[in-house]
């Protein structure tokens, strides 16, 4: 992220402010005060613009680093939530610590939707990162989806569905 061209402040100052805001949940005005104590006179609205511009890019570049240890056991569940006034199904995969591995919104609760969700969650994982146990609420759609993914080779045949 060396692209700070046209910015009044150095990239280091911008990254400090964005990191502190995202990590510690400090208000923009408090960040303005903290930077002023360090001799950097910046307005809180400028910090807001930095966060809007650079936080998504930082998250994207650091996501691989933030990943916690590998957990071979996933918990899968779906729930019905309202999104923009419309009811949809939220599929979630979480590890034993409760950290979200992936999620998927679908208008239907079907084997096709479950397969798309699991396929999305498995995409980009190396073989050793894929789960060995999938804990579900035994909804029939998960059984069908898991069987299809095993047949296609996207999920190991030894993967246990609990």
Foldseek 3Di string as FASTA:
>chain_A
DCPPPPPPDHPVLLVVLLCCCVPVVDQLVVSQVVVVVVVDHDHSVVNVVSNVPCVVVVCVVCVVVPDDDAAQEKEWEWDWDADPNRIWIKIFIAGPVRHTQDIDTGRDDALVRLLVRVCVSLPPDDPVRHHQEYEYPVDVSNVSSVVVCCVVVSHPPNRHYD
